[in-house]
Amino acid sequence: MDQLLKWAILNSATENEDAPKTTTEKNTQELDPAVIDAILGKPISDQMLEIMLYLEDPNSPVEGKVNELDNLEMFVEQIDSASDLEPLGMWPRLLALLCSDSDQVISGTLWVIGTALQHNPKAQAAFGKYDGLEKLLQKFKASANSNIKAKAIYAISALLRNNLRAFTDFIKLGGIDTLLFALPERKIANRITFLLLALVNESTDTIATAEFKPPKSFPIALIDAGIFGPLFTILSEIVDIPESVDELQNTLLLVLGLLRAAYLDKQNFMLTSTCDLNILQNFKSHLQALKNIFSDSTDSPLTLEDWSLLDKATSFI
């Protein structure tokens, strides 16, 4: 221990003191940064900025941009890299790519944005500085491309989940009406349903604190906005499509979550007050077929209590 203490004292001496030199000076040349990059690889932040420059170059081919967006998406899967988008000044530049003439570039950009926002409060807060949610909703409404709409839903979902501030902005921007208006579009209906189901479940979660979830009134707001009509229509349309089991399940679970909230809010709740009678009658005619689809499934989350609730809700039709 004494020897170690002496060594520490000697090594902390200044150049003007009589400390023995433990190394000899050597003439060395600084390594070329390019050589270091070749050996160790460039820092991820540098690579991300290089990708951004490539994406902004009007002479870069679309195919190359799509490939670079895939690479960027891979980088921002890491929370630290996603958080670096703000100090690197990349958020406004990414949002500007949503105005691209290429649907492929727009779709890839939305995918990058969604991945960066997932489970990342720091990135979500930074994204909000640039009216990001408003631009996502605008792109969702303006595009006729179902792939772009699907990717926009992915990004919106990544921003809203467990994020009350973003959810509040979503309501102010008319997000509910925007999603419900698009719900009849078959190619994106399941994504919308899944997002709304997740938000309804969050709003009724008794464990999560209020700062991280939508208010308890959210399911009632969906009902008042007329969500039952399109949901029952979807169920009636896809009940005979074998590959639609997942969509059927998500839609039924959303209906059940809304019904529970409705009966808790008002014991004498009637579906006819929020939904066209013809739509309800059509749904009721398919109810037994829906039961048959899930009756043989051992891993279905739908219980006998769930089916009883649906029977109760449609018993007066």
Protein backbone atom coordinates (compact mmCIF):
# COMPACT_ATOMS: atom_id res chain seq x y z
CA MET A 1 0.00 0.00 0.00
CA ASP A 2 2.91 2.40 0.81
CA GLN A 3 4.44 1.79 -2.62
CA LEU A 4 1.06 2.48 -4.31
CA LEU A 5 0.69 5.71 -2.32
CA LYS A 6 4.19 6.86 -3.36
CA TRP A 7 3.36 6.10 -6.98
CA ALA A 8 0.16 8.16 -6.78
CA ILE A 9 2.02 11.11 -5.23
CA LEU A 10 4.79 11.00 -7.81
CA ASN A 11 2.33 10.81 -10.72
CA SER A 12 0.39 13.79 -9.44
CA ALA A 13 3.52 15.99 -9.36
CA THR A 14 3.75 18.93 -11.75
CA GLU A 15 6.34 19.30 -14.48
CA ASN A 16 8.27 21.80 -12.35
CA GLU A 17 8.70 19.33 -9.53
CA ASP A 18 11.35 16.65 -9.31
CA ALA A 19 9.12 13.77 -10.29
CA PRO A 20 10.82 11.05 -12.26
CA LYS A 21 9.58 10.59 -15.78
CA THR A 22 8.08 7.18 -16.36
CA THR A 23 7.95 7.45 -20.13
CA THR A 24 10.15 8.79 -22.84
CA GLU A 25 8.93 11.18 -25.44
CA LYS A 26 8.41 9.75 -28.87
CA ASN A 27 8.02 11.39 -32.19
CA THR A 28 4.58 10.35 -33.28
CA GLN A 29 2.34 11.51 -36.07
CA GLU A 30 -1.37 11.93 -35.54
CA LEU A 31 -3.37 9.20 -37.20
CA ASP A 32 -5.50 10.24 -40.14
CA PRO A 33 -9.16 10.37 -38.97
CA ALA A 34 -10.08 8.40 -42.08
CA VAL A 35 -7.79 5.60 -40.91
CA ILE A 36 -9.41 5.64 -37.46
CA ASP A 37 -12.86 5.51 -39.06
CA ALA A 38 -11.76 2.58 -41.20
CA ILE A 39 -10.54 0.70 -38.13
CA LEU A 40 -13.18 1.58 -35.55
CA GLY A 41 -16.05 2.74 -37.72
CA LYS A 42 -17.55 6.23 -37.78
CA PRO A 43 -19.61 7.38 -34.81
CA ILE A 44 -23.29 6.64 -35.33
CA SER A 45 -24.13 10.34 -35.05
CA ASP A 46 -21.82 11.11 -37.98
CA GLN A 47 -23.37 8.33 -40.03
CA MET A 48 -26.86 9.64 -39.27
CA LEU A 49 -25.91 13.12 -40.45
CA GLU A 50 -24.37 11.71 -43.62
CA ILE A 51 -27.59 9.81 -44.31
CA MET A 52 -29.55 13.02 -43.82
CA LEU A 53 -27.40 14.86 -46.36
CA TYR A 54 -27.92 12.03 -48.84
CA LEU A 55 -31.68 12.13 -48.31
CA GLU A 56 -31.78 15.89 -48.87
CA ASP A 57 -29.71 15.71 -52.06
CA PRO A 58 -32.10 16.11 -55.02
CA ASN A 59 -29.67 14.11 -57.15
CA SER A 60 -29.84 11.03 -54.91
CA PRO A 61 -31.93 8.27 -56.55
CA VAL A 62 -35.14 7.19 -54.84
CA GLU A 63 -33.89 3.62 -54.46
CA GLY A 64 -30.80 4.88 -52.67
CA LYS A 65 -32.90 7.07 -50.38
CA VAL A 66 -35.11 4.13 -49.47
CA ASN A 67 -32.04 2.08 -48.55
CA GLU A 68 -30.62 4.91 -46.45
CA LEU A 69 -33.94 5.35 -44.65
CA ASP A 70 -33.78 1.65 -43.77
CA ASN A 71 -30.29 2.22 -42.36
CA LEU A 72 -31.45 5.26 -40.39
CA GLU A 73 -34.41 3.32 -39.01
CA MET A 74 -31.99 0.66 -37.80
CA PHE A 75 -29.93 3.32 -35.98
CA VAL A 76 -32.90 4.94 -34.22
CA GLU A 77 -34.06 1.59 -32.87
CA GLN A 78 -31.48 2.41 -30.18
CA ILE A 79 -32.97 4.87 -27.69
CA ASP A 80 -29.76 6.89 -27.41
CA SER A 81 -29.54 7.35 -31.17
CA ALA A 82 -33.21 8.31 -31.36
CA SER A 83 -32.65 10.89 -28.62
CA ASP A 84 -29.72 12.30 -30.62
CA LEU A 85 -32.06 13.37 -33.44
CA GLU A 86 -32.80 16.58 -31.52
CA PRO A 87 -29.21 17.75 -30.74
CA LEU A 88 -28.22 16.79 -34.29
CA GLY A 89 -30.98 19.05 -35.63
CA MET A 90 -32.57 16.22 -37.58
CA TRP A 91 -36.23 16.41 -36.53
CA PRO A 92 -37.22 19.38 -38.72
CA ARG A 93 -35.20 17.91 -41.59
CA LEU A 94 -36.98 14.56 -41.29
CA LEU A 95 -40.37 16.26 -41.17
CA ALA A 96 -39.45 18.17 -44.32
CA LEU A 97 -39.04 14.84 -46.12
CA LEU A 98 -42.77 14.26 -45.70
CA CYS A 99 -43.18 16.75 -48.55
CA SER A 100 -41.18 14.52 -50.91
CA ASP A 101 -42.55 13.72 -54.36
CA SER A 102 -41.83 10.04 -53.70
CA ASP A 103 -44.36 7.95 -51.78
CA GLN A 104 -41.56 5.52 -50.95
CA VAL A 105 -39.49 8.26 -49.31
CA ILE A 106 -42.51 9.52 -47.36
CA SER A 107 -43.35 5.99 -46.20
CA GLY A 108 -39.75 5.31 -45.16
CA THR A 109 -39.55 8.63 -43.31
CA LEU A 110 -42.72 7.86 -41.36
CA TRP A 111 -41.25 4.50 -40.42
CA VAL A 112 -38.09 6.18 -39.10
CA ILE A 113 -40.16 8.71 -37.12
CA GLY A 114 -42.35 6.02 -35.57
CA THR A 115 -39.41 3.86 -34.55
CA ALA A 116 -37.58 6.82 -33.02
CA LEU A 117 -40.63 7.83 -30.95
CA GLN A 118 -41.44 4.41 -29.52
CA HIS A 119 -41.04 4.22 -25.74
CA ASN A 120 -38.81 7.31 -25.81
CA PRO A 121 -40.19 10.26 -23.79
CA LYS A 122 -37.14 12.39 -24.63
CA ALA A 123 -37.62 11.94 -28.37
CA GLN A 124 -41.39 12.44 -28.04
CA ALA A 125 -40.91 15.76 -26.24
CA ALA A 126 -38.43 16.97 -28.85
CA PHE A 127 -40.73 15.92 -31.70
CA GLY A 128 -43.52 18.03 -30.23
CA LYS A 129 -41.46 21.22 -30.63
CA TYR A 130 -41.88 21.06 -34.40
CA ASP A 131 -45.67 20.49 -34.60
CA GLY A 132 -44.85 16.90 -35.45
CA LEU A 133 -48.26 15.43 -34.58
CA GLU A 134 -50.09 18.00 -36.67
CA LYS A 135 -47.88 17.16 -39.66
CA LEU A 136 -48.45 13.43 -39.18
CA LEU A 137 -52.22 13.93 -39.13
CA GLN A 138 -52.05 16.18 -42.18
CA LYS A 139 -50.08 13.58 -44.11
CA PHE A 140 -52.49 10.85 -43.01
CA LYS A 141 -55.50 12.84 -44.24
CA ALA A 142 -53.95 14.10 -47.46
CA SER A 143 -52.49 10.86 -48.80
CA ALA A 144 -54.49 8.36 -50.85
CA ASN A 145 -51.70 5.81 -50.46
CA SER A 146 -52.71 3.11 -47.96
CA ASN A 147 -49.07 2.31 -47.16
CA ILE A 148 -48.39 5.93 -46.22
CA LYS A 149 -51.54 6.00 -44.11
CA ALA A 150 -50.47 2.79 -42.34
CA LYS A 151 -47.01 4.18 -41.61
CA ALA A 152 -48.55 7.44 -40.38
CA ILE A 153 -50.72 5.46 -37.95
CA TYR A 154 -47.57 3.67 -36.77
CA ALA A 155 -45.88 7.01 -36.05
CA ILE A 156 -48.97 8.52 -34.41
CA SER A 157 -49.37 5.46 -32.21
CA ALA A 158 -45.71 5.59 -31.15
CA LEU A 159 -46.18 9.22 -30.11
CA LEU A 160 -49.49 8.85 -28.27
CA ARG A 161 -48.91 5.74 -26.19
CA ASN A 162 -48.33 6.61 -22.52
CA ASN A 163 -47.99 10.28 -23.49
CA LEU A 164 -50.77 12.45 -22.09
CA ARG A 165 -49.37 15.69 -23.51
CA ALA A 166 -49.36 14.30 -27.06
CA PHE A 167 -52.80 12.75 -26.51
CA THR A 168 -54.14 16.14 -25.44
CA ASP A 169 -52.78 17.69 -28.63
CA PHE A 170 -54.30 14.80 -30.59
CA ILE A 171 -57.76 15.68 -29.24
CA LYS A 172 -57.29 19.40 -29.92
CA LEU A 173 -56.25 18.67 -33.51
CA GLY A 174 -59.38 16.62 -34.18
CA GLY A 175 -57.51 13.33 -34.16
CA ILE A 176 -60.53 11.24 -33.17
CA ASP A 177 -62.61 12.48 -36.09
CA THR A 178 -59.67 11.97 -38.43
CA LEU A 179 -59.28 8.32 -37.44
CA LEU A 180 -63.01 7.56 -37.40
CA PHE A 181 -63.43 9.07 -40.85
CA ALA A 182 -60.76 6.69 -42.17
CA LEU A 183 -62.02 3.63 -40.25
CA PRO A 184 -64.09 2.28 -43.19
CA GLU A 185 -60.90 2.01 -45.30
CA ARG A 186 -60.29 -1.73 -45.24
CA LYS A 187 -56.50 -1.65 -45.69
CA ILE A 188 -55.88 0.46 -42.60
CA ALA A 189 -58.93 -0.30 -40.43
CA ASN A 190 -57.14 -2.86 -38.27
CA ARG A 191 -54.28 -0.46 -37.49
CA ILE A 192 -56.72 2.24 -36.44
CA THR A 193 -58.73 -0.23 -34.37
CA PHE A 194 -55.61 -1.52 -32.65
CA LEU A 195 -54.50 2.02 -31.73
CA LEU A 196 -57.92 2.97 -30.37
CA LEU A 197 -58.10 -0.30 -28.42
CA ALA A 198 -54.72 0.43 -26.83
CA LEU A 199 -55.80 3.96 -25.87
CA VAL A 200 -59.11 2.73 -24.42
CA ASN A 201 -57.25 0.12 -22.38
CA GLU A 202 -54.82 2.76 -21.13
CA SER A 203 -57.68 5.06 -20.11
CA THR A 204 -59.22 2.32 -17.95
CA ASP A 205 -55.91 1.11 -16.49
CA THR A 206 -56.14 1.37 -12.71
CA ILE A 207 -52.40 1.02 -12.16
CA ALA A 208 -50.92 3.65 -14.49
CA THR A 209 -50.84 7.20 -13.13
CA ALA A 210 -53.00 9.90 -14.70
CA GLU A 211 -50.03 11.71 -16.24
CA PHE A 212 -49.36 8.78 -18.56
CA LYS A 213 -52.80 7.84 -19.85
CA PRO A 214 -55.90 9.25 -21.56
CA PRO A 215 -58.73 10.38 -19.27
CA LYS A 216 -61.46 7.94 -18.24
CA SER A 217 -63.89 9.91 -20.40
CA PHE A 218 -62.09 8.90 -23.60
CA PRO A 219 -64.22 5.79 -24.37
CA ILE A 220 -67.42 7.84 -23.94
CA ALA A 221 -66.01 10.48 -26.29
CA LEU A 222 -65.46 7.78 -28.92
CA ILE A 223 -69.04 6.56 -28.48
CA ASP A 224 -70.41 10.09 -28.77
CA ALA A 225 -68.37 10.54 -31.94
CA GLY A 226 -70.25 7.61 -33.50
CA ILE A 227 -67.64 4.86 -33.43
CA PHE A 228 -70.06 1.95 -33.01
CA GLY A 229 -71.47 2.32 -36.53
CA PRO A 230 -68.21 1.73 -38.42
CA LEU A 231 -67.07 -0.94 -35.95
CA PHE A 232 -70.23 -3.01 -36.37
CA THR A 233 -70.03 -2.54 -40.13
CA ILE A 234 -66.45 -3.84 -40.15
CA LEU A 235 -67.43 -6.91 -38.15
CA SER A 236 -70.31 -7.69 -40.49
CA GLU A 237 -68.11 -7.29 -43.57
CA ILE A 238 -65.18 -9.48 -42.50
CA VAL A 239 -66.90 -12.20 -40.48
CA ASP A 240 -66.71 -14.60 -43.45
CA ILE A 241 -63.06 -13.85 -44.32
CA PRO A 242 -60.87 -16.60 -42.77
CA GLU A 243 -57.67 -14.52 -42.66
CA SER A 244 -59.38 -11.71 -40.73
CA VAL A 245 -59.43 -13.41 -37.33
CA ASP A 246 -56.94 -10.97 -35.77
CA GLU A 247 -58.91 -7.99 -37.04
CA LEU A 248 -62.16 -9.53 -35.83
CA GLN A 249 -60.65 -10.05 -32.40
CA ASN A 250 -59.25 -6.51 -32.11
CA THR A 251 -62.54 -5.00 -33.27
CA LEU A 252 -64.60 -7.10 -30.87
CA LEU A 253 -62.30 -6.23 -27.97
CA LEU A 254 -62.67 -2.53 -28.78
CA VAL A 255 -66.46 -2.87 -28.93
CA LEU A 256 -66.44 -4.66 -25.57
CA GLY A 257 -64.21 -2.04 -23.96
CA LEU A 258 -66.54 0.69 -25.15
CA LEU A 259 -69.65 -1.16 -23.98
CA ARG A 260 -68.20 -1.65 -20.50
CA ALA A 261 -67.43 2.05 -20.28
CA ALA A 262 -70.91 2.92 -21.54
CA TYR A 263 -72.71 0.75 -18.99
CA LEU A 264 -70.53 2.06 -16.18
CA ASP A 265 -71.29 5.62 -17.23
CA LYS A 266 -75.00 5.04 -17.77
CA GLN A 267 -76.80 1.90 -16.65
CA ASN A 268 -79.64 2.29 -19.15
CA PHE A 269 -77.32 2.78 -22.12
CA MET A 270 -78.91 1.88 -25.48
CA LEU A 271 -76.91 1.20 -28.65
CA THR A 272 -79.68 2.66 -30.79
CA SER A 273 -78.87 6.07 -29.34
CA THR A 274 -75.44 6.02 -30.99
CA CYS A 275 -75.82 3.72 -33.99
CA ASP A 276 -78.14 3.21 -36.96
CA LEU A 277 -80.68 0.43 -36.36
CA ASN A 278 -80.02 -1.23 -39.72
CA ILE A 279 -76.32 -1.53 -38.91
CA LEU A 280 -77.14 -3.05 -35.53
CA GLN A 281 -79.58 -5.56 -37.03
CA ASN A 282 -76.97 -6.59 -39.59
CA PHE A 283 -74.38 -7.08 -36.86
CA LYS A 284 -76.76 -9.10 -34.70
CA SER A 285 -77.43 -11.44 -37.60
CA HIS A 286 -73.68 -12.23 -37.66
CA LEU A 287 -73.24 -12.54 -33.91
CA GLN A 288 -73.63 -16.32 -33.79
CA ALA A 289 -71.12 -16.70 -36.63
CA LEU A 290 -68.65 -14.62 -34.62
CA LYS A 291 -69.18 -16.82 -31.58
CA ASN A 292 -68.53 -19.91 -33.67
CA ILE A 293 -65.23 -18.50 -34.97
CA PHE A 294 -63.82 -18.02 -31.48
CA SER A 295 -65.49 -20.92 -29.68
CA ASP A 296 -62.86 -23.42 -30.86
CA SER A 297 -59.91 -21.14 -30.05
CA THR A 298 -58.02 -22.03 -26.87
CA ASP A 299 -56.05 -18.76 -26.73
CA SER A 300 -58.85 -16.31 -27.50
CA PRO A 301 -59.12 -13.47 -24.94
CA LEU A 302 -62.90 -13.39 -25.47
CA THR A 303 -64.75 -14.94 -22.52
CA LEU A 304 -68.31 -16.12 -21.90
CA GLU A 305 -68.82 -12.89 -19.98
CA ASP A 306 -67.81 -10.95 -23.10
CA TRP A 307 -70.36 -12.75 -25.26
CA SER A 308 -73.01 -12.19 -22.59
CA LEU A 309 -72.26 -8.47 -22.72
CA LEU A 310 -72.71 -8.45 -26.51
CA ASP A 311 -75.97 -10.36 -26.15
CA LYS A 312 -77.15 -7.84 -23.57
CA ALA A 313 -76.25 -4.89 -25.78
CA THR A 314 -78.13 -6.31 -28.77
CA SER A 315 -81.02 -8.00 -26.97
CA PHE A 316 -83.49 -5.21 -27.73
CA ILE A 317 -82.79 -5.18 -31.48
